[in-house]
PDB file of N, CA and C in Angstrom:
ATOM      1  N   UNK A   1     -69.603 -57.726  17.345  1.00  0.00           N
ATOM      2  CA  UNK A   1     -71.100 -57.222  17.179  1.00  0.00           C
ATOM      3  C   UNK A   1     -71.668 -57.535  15.899  1.00  0.00           C
ATOM      4  N   UNK A   2     -71.084 -57.470  14.958  1.00  0.00           N
ATOM      5  CA  UNK A   2     -71.537 -58.303  13.556  1.00  0.00           C
ATOM      6  C   UNK A   2     -72.341 -59.712  13.586  1.00  0.00           C
ATOM      7  N   UNK A   3     -70.913 -60.651  14.528  1.00  0.00           N
ATOM      8  CA  UNK A   3     -71.125 -62.374  15.000  1.00  0.00           C
ATOM      9  C   UNK A   3     -72.789 -62.541  15.001  1.00  0.00           C
ATOM     10  N   UNK A   4     -72.569 -61.666  16.710  1.00  0.00           N
ATOM     11  CA  UNK A   4     -73.746 -61.624  17.871  1.00  0.00           C
ATOM     12  C   UNK A   4     -74.793 -60.995  16.601  1.00  0.00           C
ATOM     13  N   UNK A   5     -75.174 -60.581  15.496  1.00  0.00           N
ATOM     14  CA  UNK A   5     -76.453 -60.146  14.646  1.00  0.00           C
ATOM     15  C   UNK A   5     -76.427 -61.837  13.391  1.00  0.00           C
ATOM     16  N   UNK A   6     -75.865 -61.976  13.349  1.00  0.00           N
ATOM     17  CA  UNK A   6     -75.483 -63.265  12.773  1.00  0.00           C
ATOM     18  C   UNK A   6     -76.188 -64.576  13.001  1.00  0.00           C
ATOM     19  N   UNK A   7     -75.823 -64.267  14.294  1.00  0.00           N
ATOM     20  CA  UNK A   7     -76.146 -65.730  15.188  1.00  0.00           C
ATOM     21  C   UNK A   7     -77.751 -66.055  15.994  1.00  0.00           C
ATOM     22  N   UNK A   8     -78.245 -64.427  16.179  1.00  0.00           N
ATOM     23  CA  UNK A   8     -79.747 -64.579  16.591  1.00  0.00           C
ATOM     24  C   UNK A   8     -80.970 -63.756  15.627  1.00  0.00           C
ATOM     25  N   UNK A   9     -81.373 -65.107  15.337  1.00  0.00           N
ATOM     26  CA  UNK A   9     -82.258 -64.779  13.845  1.00  0.00           C
ATOM     27  C   UNK A   9     -83.788 -63.313  14.303  1.00  0.00           C
ATOM     28  N   UNK A  10     -83.681 -63.267  16.127  1.00  0.00           N
ATOM     29  CA  UNK A  10     -84.922 -62.319  16.688  1.00  0.00           C
ATOM     30  C   UNK A  10     -84.481 -61.746  17.804  1.00  0.00           C
ATOM     31  N   UNK A  11     -84.275 -59.895  17.499  1.00  0.00           N
ATOM     32  CA  UNK A  11     -83.854 -59.409  18.145  1.00  0.00           C
ATOM     33  C   UNK A  11     -84.582 -58.653  19.339  1.00  0.00           C
ATOM     34  N   UNK A  12     -83.443 -58.339  20.461  1.00  0.00           N
ATOM     35  CA  UNK A  12     -84.285 -58.259  22.131  1.00  0.00           C
ATOM     36  C   UNK A  12     -83.562 -57.139  22.453  1.00  0.00           C
ATOM     37  N   UNK A  13     -84.177 -56.397  22.749  1.00  0.00           N
ATOM     38  CA  UNK A  13     -83.971 -55.366  24.016  1.00  0.00           C
ATOM     39  C   UNK A  13     -82.527 -55.591  24.742  1.00  0.00           C
ATOM     40  N   UNK A  14     -82.224 -54.431  24.758  1.00  0.00           N
ATOM     41  CA  UNK A  14     -80.753 -54.561  25.201  1.00  0.00           C
ATOM     42  C   UNK A  14     -79.520 -55.749  24.695  1.00  0.00           C
ATOM     43  N   UNK A  15     -79.890 -56.324  23.563  1.00  0.00           N
ATOM     44  CA  UNK A  15     -78.721 -57.592  23.273  1.00  0.00           C
ATOM     45  C   UNK A  15     -77.730 -57.172  23.208  1.00  0.00           C
ATOM     46  N   UNK A  16     -77.053 -55.743  23.170  1.00  0.00           N
ATOM     47  CA  UNK A  16     -75.889 -55.808  21.957  1.00  0.00           C
ATOM     48  C   UNK A  16     -75.549 -54.176  23.109  1.00  0.00           C
ATOM     49  N   UNK A  17     -75.773 -54.617  24.434  1.00  0.00           N
ATOM     50  CA  UNK A  17     -75.650 -53.414  25.310  1.00  0.00           C
ATOM     51  C   UNK A  17     -73.738 -53.739  25.643  1.00  0.00           C
ATOM     52  N   UNK A  18     -73.345 -54.583  26.128  1.00  0.00           N
ATOM     53  CA  UNK A  18     -72.177 -55.133  26.212  1.00  0.00           C
ATOM     54  C   UNK A  18     -71.182 -54.614  25.519  1.00  0.00           C
ATOM     55  N   UNK A  19     -71.430 -54.762  23.947  1.00  0.00           N
ATOM     56  CA  UNK A  19     -70.611 -53.884  22.722  1.00  0.00           C
ATOM     57  C   UNK A  19     -71.117 -52.717  22.679  1.00  0.00           C
ATOM     58  N   UNK A  20     -71.442 -51.919  23.462  1.00  0.00           N
ATOM     59  CA  UNK A  20     -70.871 -50.849  23.025  1.00  0.00           C
ATOM     60  C   UNK A  20     -70.280 -49.983  24.640  1.00  0.00           C
ATOM     61  N   UNK A  21     -70.033 -48.443  23.784  1.00  0.00           N
ATOM     62  CA  UNK A  21     -68.937 -48.533  24.688  1.00  0.00           C
ATOM     63  C   UNK A  21     -69.823 -47.899  25.569  1.00  0.00           C
ATOM     64  N   UNK A  22     -69.344 -46.378  26.812  1.00  0.00           N
ATOM     65  CA  UNK A  22     -70.067 -46.398  27.631  1.00  0.00           C
ATOM     66  C   UNK A  22     -70.284 -45.004  27.730  1.00  0.00           C
ATOM     67  N   UNK A  23     -71.078 -43.868  27.968  1.00  0.00           N
ATOM     68  CA  UNK A  23     -70.773 -42.607  27.694  1.00  0.00           C
ATOM     69  C   UNK A  23     -69.873 -42.201  28.423  1.00  0.00           C
ATOM     70  N   UNK A  24     -69.730 -40.886  28.182  1.00  0.00           N
ATOM     71  CA  UNK A  24     -68.537 -39.678  28.575  1.00  0.00           C
ATOM     72  C   UNK A  24     -69.398 -39.451  29.528  1.00  0.00           C
ATOM     73  N   UNK A  25     -69.093 -38.811  30.548  1.00  0.00           N
ATOM     74  CA  UNK A  25     -69.634 -37.606  31.419  1.00  0.00           C
ATOM     75  C   UNK A  25     -69.713 -36.598  30.509  1.00  0.00           C
ATOM     76  N   UNK A  26     -69.871 -35.892  30.609  1.00  0.00           N
ATOM     77  CA  UNK A  26     -69.864 -34.379  29.616  1.00  0.00           C
ATOM     78  C   UNK A  26     -69.329 -33.418  30.579  1.00  0.00           C
ATOM     79  N   UNK A  27     -68.420 -32.356  29.223  1.00  0.00           N
ATOM     80  CA  UNK A  27     -67.942 -31.366  30.987  1.00  0.00           C
ATOM     81  C   UNK A  27     -68.887 -30.501  31.693  1.00  0.00           C
ATOM     82  N   UNK A  28     -68.649 -30.571  32.262  1.00  0.00           N
ATOM     83  CA  UNK A  28     -69.306 -28.881  33.670  1.00  0.00           C
ATOM     84  C   UNK A  28     -70.071 -27.925  32.506  1.00  0.00           C
ATOM     85  N   UNK A  29     -69.264 -27.398  32.290  1.00  0.00           N
ATOM     86  CA  UNK A  29     -69.843 -25.884  31.002  1.00  0.00           C
ATOM     87  C   UNK A  29     -70.479 -26.628  30.612  1.00  0.00           C
ATOM     88  N   UNK A  30     -70.213 -27.569  29.470  1.00  0.00           N
ATOM     89  CA  UNK A  30     -71.613 -27.502  28.452  1.00  0.00           C
ATOM     90  C   UNK A  30     -72.284 -28.348  28.780  1.00  0.00           C
ATOM     91  N   UNK A  31     -72.452 -28.953  30.398  1.00  0.00           N
ATOM     92  CA  UNK A  31     -73.532 -28.924  30.643  1.00  0.00           C
ATOM     93  C   UNK A  31     -74.614 -28.190  31.485  1.00  0.00           C
ATOM     94  N   UNK A  32     -73.641 -26.851  31.849  1.00  0.00           N
ATOM     95  CA  UNK A  32     -74.688 -26.031  31.915  1.00  0.00           C
ATOM     96  C   UNK A  32     -75.276 -24.710  31.015  1.00  0.00           C
ATOM     97  N   UNK A  33     -74.491 -24.751  30.651  1.00  0.00           N
ATOM     98  CA  UNK A  33     -74.845 -24.292  29.411  1.00  0.00           C
ATOM     99  C   UNK A  33     -75.991 -24.796  28.517  1.00  0.00           C
ATOM    100  N   UNK A  34     -75.822 -25.572  28.511  1.00  0.00           N
ATOM    101  CA  UNK A  34     -77.245 -26.142  28.190  1.00  0.00           C
ATOM    102  C   UNK A  34     -78.749 -26.838  28.999  1.00  0.00           C
ATOM    103  N   UNK A  35     -77.697 -26.522  29.993  1.00  0.00           N
ATOM    104  CA  UNK A  35     -79.588 -25.685  30.770  1.00  0.00           C
ATOM    105  C   UNK A  35     -79.514 -24.586  31.368  1.00  0.00           C
ATOM    106  N   UNK A  36     -79.077 -23.259  30.696  1.00  0.00           N
ATOM    107  CA  UNK A  36     -79.553 -22.018  30.254  1.00  0.00           C
ATOM    108  C   UNK A  36     -80.180 -22.534  29.252  1.00  0.00           C
ATOM    109  N   UNK A  37     -79.771 -22.382  27.895  1.00  0.00           N
ATOM    110  CA  UNK A  37     -80.696 -22.502  26.929  1.00  0.00           C
ATOM    111  C   UNK A  37     -81.545 -23.632  27.079  1.00  0.00           C
ATOM    112  N   UNK A  38     -81.247 -24.035  27.440  1.00  0.00           N
ATOM    113  CA  UNK A  38     -83.038 -24.762  28.176  1.00  0.00           C
ATOM    114  C   UNK A  38     -83.699 -24.020  28.532  1.00  0.00           C
ATOM    115  N   UNK A  39     -83.504 -23.153  29.741  1.00  0.00           N
ATOM    116  CA  UNK A  39     -84.325 -23.017  31.140  1.00  0.00           C
ATOM    117  C   UNK A  39     -84.467 -21.235  29.490  1.00  0.00           C
ATOM    118  N   UNK A  40     -83.880 -20.785  29.146  1.00  0.00           N
ATOM    119  CA  UNK A  40     -84.305 -19.564  29.064  1.00  0.00           C
ATOM    120  C   UNK A  40     -85.568 -18.965  27.620  1.00  0.00           C
ATOM    121  N   UNK A  41     -86.227 -19.611  27.387  1.00  0.00           N
ATOM    122  CA  UNK A  41     -87.243 -19.798  26.785  1.00  0.00           C
ATOM    123  C   UNK A  41     -88.238 -19.002  27.698  1.00  0.00           C
ATOM    124  N   UNK A  42     -88.137 -19.821  28.500  1.00  0.00           N
ATOM    125  CA  UNK A  42     -89.853 -19.951  30.001  1.00  0.00           C
ATOM    126  C   UNK A  42     -88.865 -18.584  30.925  1.00  0.00           C
ATOM    127  N   UNK A  43     -88.655 -17.865  30.910  1.00  0.00           N
ATOM    128  CA  UNK A  43     -88.281 -17.313  31.989  1.00  0.00           C
ATOM    129  C   UNK A  43     -87.701 -15.522  31.408  1.00  0.00           C
ATOM    130  N   UNK A  44     -87.919 -14.329  32.321  1.00  0.00           N
ATOM    131  CA  UNK A  44     -88.262 -13.591  31.731  1.00  0.00           C
ATOM    132  C   UNK A  44     -86.575 -13.272  32.296  1.00  0.00           C
ATOM    133  N   UNK A  45     -86.094 -11.355  31.627  1.00  0.00           N
ATOM    134  CA  UNK A  45     -84.862 -11.478  31.245  1.00  0.00           C
ATOM    135  C   UNK A  45     -84.493 -11.573  33.372  1.00  0.00           C
ATOM    136  N   UNK A  46     -85.375 -10.887  33.528  1.00  0.00           N
ATOM    137  CA  UNK A  46     -84.660 -10.800  35.263  1.00  0.00           C
ATOM    138  C   UNK A  46     -84.543 -12.475  35.941  1.00  0.00           C
ATOM    139  N   UNK A  47     -85.385 -13.072  34.795  1.00  0.00           N
ATOM    140  CA  UNK A  47     -85.292 -14.595  36.630  1.00  0.00           C
ATOM    141  C   UNK A  47     -83.970 -14.996  35.060  1.00  0.00           C
ATOM    142  N   UNK A  48     -83.809 -14.904  33.978  1.00  0.00           N
ATOM    143  CA  UNK A  48     -83.050 -15.419  33.484  1.00  0.00           C
ATOM    144  C   UNK A  48     -81.817 -15.182  34.383  1.00  0.00           C
ATOM    145  N   UNK A  49     -81.413 -14.281  34.174  1.00  0.00           N
ATOM    146  CA  UNK A  49     -80.727 -13.151  35.017  1.00  0.00           C
ATOM    147  C   UNK A  49     -79.440 -14.190  36.162  1.00  0.00           C
ATOM    148  N   UNK A  50     -81.131 -14.449  37.201  1.00  0.00           N
ATOM    149  CA  UNK A  50     -80.506 -14.739  38.292  1.00  0.00           C
ATOM    150  C   UNK A  50     -80.325 -16.122  38.100  1.00  0.00           C
ATOM    151  N   UNK A  51     -80.882 -16.709  37.263  1.00  0.00           N
ATOM    152  CA  UNK A  51     -80.728 -18.225  36.905  1.00  0.00           C
ATOM    153  C   UNK A  51     -78.731 -18.195  37.032  1.00  0.00           C
ATOM    154  N   UNK A  52     -79.427 -17.356  34.994  1.00  0.00           N
ATOM    155  CA  UNK A  52     -77.395 -17.641  35.441  1.00  0.00           C
ATOM    156  C   UNK A  52     -75.978 -17.468  36.442  1.00  0.00           C
ATOM    157  N   UNK A  53     -76.692 -16.292  37.119  1.00  0.00           N
ATOM    158  CA  UNK A  53     -75.976 -15.883  38.454  1.00  0.00           C
ATOM    159  C   UNK A  53     -75.716 -16.847  39.104  1.00  0.00           C
ATOM    160  N   UNK A  54     -77.143 -18.006  39.284  1.00  0.00           N
ATOM    161  CA  UNK A  54     -77.462 -19.144  39.950  1.00  0.00           C
ATOM    162  C   UNK A  54     -75.816 -20.233  39.770  1.00  0.00           C
ATOM    163  N   UNK A  55     -76.007 -20.277  38.451  1.00  0.00           N
ATOM    164  CA  UNK A  55     -75.742 -21.510  36.993  1.00  0.00           C
ATOM    165  C   UNK A  55     -74.069 -20.398  37.672  1.00  0.00           C
ATOM    166  N   UNK A  56     -73.402 -20.066  37.400  1.00  0.00           N
ATOM    167  CA  UNK A  56     -71.767 -19.724  37.320  1.00  0.00           C
ATOM    168  C   UNK A  56     -72.180 -19.562  39.180  1.00  0.00           C
ATOM    169  N   UNK A  57     -72.952 -19.306  40.102  1.00  0.00           N
ATOM    170  CA  UNK A  57     -72.045 -20.013  41.919  1.00  0.00           C
ATOM    171  C   UNK A  57     -71.567 -20.825  41.805  1.00  0.00           C
ATOM    172  N   UNK A  58     -72.493 -21.905  41.060  1.00  0.00           N
ATOM    173  CA  UNK A  58     -72.492 -23.406  41.363  1.00  0.00           C
ATOM    174  C   UNK A  58     -72.201 -23.448  40.671  1.00  0.00           C
ATOM    175  N   UNK A  59     -71.432 -23.648  39.377  1.00  0.00           N
ATOM    176  CA  UNK A  59     -70.078 -23.974  38.177  1.00  0.00           C
ATOM    177  C   UNK A  59     -69.152 -23.100  39.407  1.00  0.00           C
ATOM    178  N   UNK A  60     -69.043 -22.603  39.785  1.00  0.00           N
ATOM    179  CA  UNK A  60     -67.643 -22.370  40.506  1.00  0.00           C
ATOM    180  C   UNK A  60     -67.181 -22.795  42.055  1.00  0.00           C
ATOM    181  N   UNK A  61     -68.228 -23.645  42.619  1.00  0.00           N
ATOM    182  CA  UNK A  61     -68.608 -23.801  43.979  1.00  0.00           C
ATOM    183  C   UNK A  61     -68.748 -25.498  43.627  1.00  0.00           C
ATOM    184  N   UNK A  62     -70.129 -25.350  44.676  1.00  0.00           N
ATOM    185  CA  UNK A  62     -70.050 -27.629  44.566  1.00  0.00           C
ATOM    186  C   UNK A  62     -69.499 -27.772  43.107  1.00  0.00           C
ATOM    187  N   UNK A  63     -70.256 -26.631  42.090  1.00  0.00           N
ATOM    188  CA  UNK A  63     -70.162 -27.769  41.273  1.00  0.00           C
ATOM    189  C   UNK A  63     -68.868 -28.576  40.698  1.00  0.00           C
ATOM    190  N   UNK A  64     -68.243 -28.184  40.865  1.00  0.00           N
ATOM    191  CA  UNK A  64     -67.257 -28.834  40.538  1.00  0.00           C
ATOM    192  C   UNK A  64     -66.773 -29.642  41.023  1.00  0.00           C
ATOM    193  N   UNK A  65     -66.738 -29.534  42.231  1.00  0.00           N
ATOM    194  CA  UNK A  65     -67.176 -31.225  43.573  1.00  0.00           C
ATOM    195  C   UNK A  65     -67.381 -32.891  42.290  1.00  0.00           C
ATOM    196  N   UNK A  66     -69.138 -32.029  42.784  1.00  0.00           N
ATOM    197  CA  UNK A  66     -70.276 -32.989  42.301  1.00  0.00           C
ATOM    198  C   UNK A  66     -69.209 -33.787  40.641  1.00  0.00           C
ATOM    199  N   UNK A  67     -68.828 -32.370  40.175  1.00  0.00           N
ATOM    200  CA  UNK A  67     -68.499 -32.890  38.849  1.00  0.00           C
ATOM    201  C   UNK A  67     -66.972 -34.095  39.010  1.00  0.00           C
ATOM    202  N   UNK A  68     -66.347 -33.740  39.573  1.00  0.00           N
ATOM    203  CA  UNK A  68     -65.339 -34.459  40.094  1.00  0.00           C
ATOM    204  C   UNK A  68     -65.264 -36.316  40.475  1.00  0.00           C
ATOM    205  N   UNK A  69     -66.914 -35.965  41.095  1.00  0.00           N
ATOM    206  CA  UNK A  69     -67.222 -36.638  41.924  1.00  0.00           C
ATOM    207  C   UNK A  69     -68.048 -37.749  40.873  1.00  0.00           C
ATOM    208  N   UNK A  70     -68.438 -37.234  39.520  1.00  0.00           N
ATOM    209  CA  UNK A  70     -68.686 -37.805  38.466  1.00  0.00           C
ATOM    210  C   UNK A  70     -67.797 -38.434  38.360  1.00  0.00           C
ATOM    211  N   UNK A  71     -66.634 -37.816  37.751  1.00  0.00           N
ATOM    212  CA  UNK A  71     -65.821 -38.244  36.630  1.00  0.00           C
ATOM    213  C   UNK A  71     -64.620 -39.193  37.191  1.00  0.00           C
ATOM    214  N   UNK A  72     -65.047 -39.358  38.645  1.00  0.00           N
ATOM    215  CA  UNK A  72     -64.078 -40.741  39.446  1.00  0.00           C
ATOM    216  C   UNK A  72     -64.800 -42.148  39.676  1.00  0.00           C
ATOM    217  N   UNK A  73     -66.604 -41.734  39.351  1.00  0.00           N
ATOM    218  CA  UNK A  73     -67.499 -42.412  39.365  1.00  0.00           C
ATOM    219  C   UNK A  73     -67.765 -43.717  38.034  1.00  0.00           C
ATOM    220  N   UNK A  74     -67.336 -42.855  36.936  1.00  0.00           N
ATOM    221  CA  UNK A  74     -67.230 -42.989  35.469  1.00  0.00           C
ATOM    222  C   UNK A  74     -65.768 -43.391  35.244  1.00  0.00           C
ATOM    223  N   UNK A  75     -65.632 -43.901  36.173  1.00  0.00           N
ATOM    224  CA  UNK A  75     -63.874 -44.745  36.040  1.00  0.00           C
ATOM    225  C   UNK A  75     -64.443 -45.646  36.477  1.00  0.00           C
ATOM    226  N   UNK A  76     -64.961 -46.339  37.483  1.00  0.00           N
ATOM    227  CA  UNK A  76     -65.123 -47.457  38.195  1.00  0.00           C
ATOM    228  C   UNK A  76     -66.292 -48.270  37.762  1.00  0.00           C
ATOM    229  N   UNK A  77     -67.098 -47.498  37.183  1.00  0.00           N
ATOM    230  CA  UNK A  77     -68.431 -48.160  36.067  1.00  0.00           C
ATOM    231  C   UNK A  77     -68.687 -48.195  35.175  1.00  0.00           C
ATOM    232  N   UNK A  78     -69.764 -48.964  34.433  1.00  0.00           N
ATOM    233  CA  UNK A  78     -69.565 -49.411  33.703  1.00  0.00           C
ATOM    234  C   UNK A  78     -70.656 -48.121  32.955  1.00  0.00           C
ATOM    235  N   UNK A  79     -71.287 -47.970  33.607  1.00  0.00           N
ATOM    236  CA  UNK A  79     -72.871 -46.370  33.800  1.00  0.00           C
ATOM    237  C   UNK A  79     -73.069 -45.597  34.549  1.00  0.00           C
ATOM    238  N   UNK A  80     -72.541 -44.359  34.136  1.00  0.00           N
ATOM    239  CA  UNK A  80     -71.858 -44.337  36.181  1.00  0.00           C
ATOM    240  C   UNK A  80     -73.349 -43.327  35.993  1.00  0.00           C
ATOM    241  N   UNK A  81     -74.549 -43.540  34.964  1.00  0.00           N
ATOM    242  CA  UNK A  81     -75.550 -41.915  35.471  1.00  0.00           C
ATOM    243  C   UNK A  81     -76.826 -43.067  36.333  1.00  0.00           C
ATOM    244  N   UNK A  82     -76.266 -44.538  36.206  1.00  0.00           N
ATOM    245  CA  UNK A  82     -77.014 -45.482  37.005  1.00  0.00           C
ATOM    246  C   UNK A  82     -76.678 -45.316  38.137  1.00  0.00           C
ATOM    247  N   UNK A  83     -78.145 -45.729  39.357  1.00  0.00           N
ATOM    248  CA  UNK A  83     -78.319 -45.679  40.199  1.00  0.00           C
ATOM    249  C   UNK A  83     -78.088 -44.419  41.328  1.00  0.00           C
ATOM    250  N   UNK A  84     -78.751 -43.775  41.129  1.00  0.00           N
ATOM    251  CA  UNK A  84     -78.504 -42.309  41.788  1.00  0.00           C
ATOM    252  C   UNK A  84     -80.048 -42.100  43.023  1.00  0.00           C
ATOM    253  N   UNK A  85     -80.931 -42.449  41.819  1.00  0.00           N
ATOM    254  CA  UNK A  85     -81.968 -41.949  42.943  1.00  0.00           C
ATOM    255  C   UNK A  85     -82.381 -42.763  43.746  1.00  0.00           C
ATOM    256  N   UNK A  86     -82.867 -42.021  44.673  1.00  0.00           N
ATOM    257  CA  UNK A  86     -82.787 -42.771  46.034  1.00  0.00           C
ATOM    258  C   UNK A  86     -81.284 -42.911  46.853  1.00  0.00           C
ATOM    259  N   UNK A  87     -80.438 -42.648  46.700  1.00  0.00           N
ATOM    260  CA  UNK A  87     -79.180 -43.280  46.754  1.00  0.00           C
ATOM    261  C   UNK A  87     -78.487 -42.259  47.873  1.00  0.00           C
ATOM    262  N   UNK A  88     -77.761 -41.908  48.607  1.00  0.00           N
ATOM    263  CA  UNK A  88     -75.974 -41.085  48.938  1.00  0.00           C
ATOM    264  C   UNK A  88     -75.957 -39.902  47.819  1.00  0.00           C
ATOM    265  N   UNK A  89     -75.956 -39.771  46.230  1.00  0.00           N
ATOM    266  CA  UNK A  89     -76.062 -38.677  45.076  1.00  0.00           C
ATOM    267  C   UNK A  89     -77.448 -37.732  45.319  1.00  0.00           C
ATOM    268  N   UNK A  90     -78.615 -38.415  45.180  1.00  0.00           N
ATOM    269  CA  UNK A  90     -79.755 -38.317  45.027  1.00  0.00           C
ATOM    270  C   UNK A  90     -79.685 -37.344  46.256  1.00  0.00           C
ATOM    271  N   UNK A  91     -79.777 -37.660  47.547  1.00  0.00           N
ATOM    272  CA  UNK A  91     -79.888 -36.933  48.806  1.00  0.00           C
ATOM    273  C   UNK A  91     -79.118 -35.501  48.843  1.00  0.00           C
ATOM    274  N   UNK A  92     -77.450 -36.652  48.180  1.00  0.00           N
ATOM    275  CA  UNK A  92     -76.727 -34.746  48.260  1.00  0.00           C
ATOM    276  C   UNK A  92     -76.965 -33.905  46.563  1.00  0.00           C
ATOM    277  N   UNK A  93     -77.808 -34.563  45.264  1.00  0.00           N
ATOM    278  CA  UNK A  93     -78.261 -33.533  44.908  1.00  0.00           C
ATOM    279  C   UNK A  93     -79.086 -32.833  44.963  1.00  0.00           C
ATOM    280  N   UNK A  94     -80.473 -33.180  45.544  1.00  0.00           N
ATOM    281  CA  UNK A  94     -81.311 -32.832  46.751  1.00  0.00           C
ATOM    282  C   UNK A  94     -80.948 -31.627  47.741  1.00  0.00           C
ATOM    283  N   UNK A  95     -79.897 -31.768  48.370  1.00  0.00           N
ATOM    284  CA  UNK A  95     -79.200 -30.868  49.269  1.00  0.00           C
ATOM    285  C   UNK A  95     -78.837 -29.711  48.786  1.00  0.00           C
ATOM    286  N   UNK A  96     -78.151 -29.923  47.305  1.00  0.00           N
ATOM    287  CA  UNK A  96     -77.773 -29.252  46.612  1.00  0.00           C
ATOM    288  C   UNK A  96     -78.644 -27.713  45.937  1.00  0.00           C
ATOM    289  N   UNK A  97     -79.903 -28.215  45.519  1.00  0.00           N
ATOM    290  CA  UNK A  97     -80.862 -27.880  44.952  1.00  0.00           C
ATOM    291  C   UNK A  97     -81.313 -26.970  45.459  1.00  0.00           C
ATOM    292  N   UNK A  98     -81.438 -26.676  47.306  1.00  0.00           N
ATOM    293  CA  UNK A  98     -82.056 -26.341  48.230  1.00  0.00           C
ATOM    294  C   UNK A  98     -81.190 -25.338  48.639  1.00  0.00           C
ATOM    295  N   UNK A  99     -79.752 -25.304  48.607  1.00  0.00           N
ATOM    296  CA  UNK A  99     -79.309 -24.860  48.574  1.00  0.00           C
ATOM    297  C   UNK A  99     -79.251 -23.565  47.838  1.00  0.00           C
ATOM    298  N   UNK A 100     -79.305 -23.391  46.388  1.00  0.00           N
ATOM    299  CA  UNK A 100     -79.530 -23.122  45.722  1.00  0.00           C
ATOM    300  C   UNK A 100     -81.247 -22.115  45.285  1.00  0.00           C
ATOM    301  N   UNK A 101     -81.839 -22.652  45.833  1.00  0.00           N
ATOM    302  CA  UNK A 101     -83.314 -22.419  45.298  1.00  0.00           C
ATOM    303  C   UNK A 101     -83.659 -20.971  47.065  1.00  0.00           C
TER     304      UNK A 101
END
């Protein structure tokens, strides 16, 4: 990367993209905990309890399967987050949301 910086006098967007490590898939529990932390200020106690119950159901149900799919995807793709919207994963995600709500 240092060599790339010395050779170029003008930086471009994504110029160093290939030299950066891929982002890891965060643990499911961590993602769900962050989600609950993010929504808590916007919910009353009853709403938060219901949301917490839904998250636990997701974590112990389809969430495990979906997380495993993400881990598998990350093994074969540099950017495991790219390409969901409009594709198979987006459809599955939307179905999951319909079940949870």
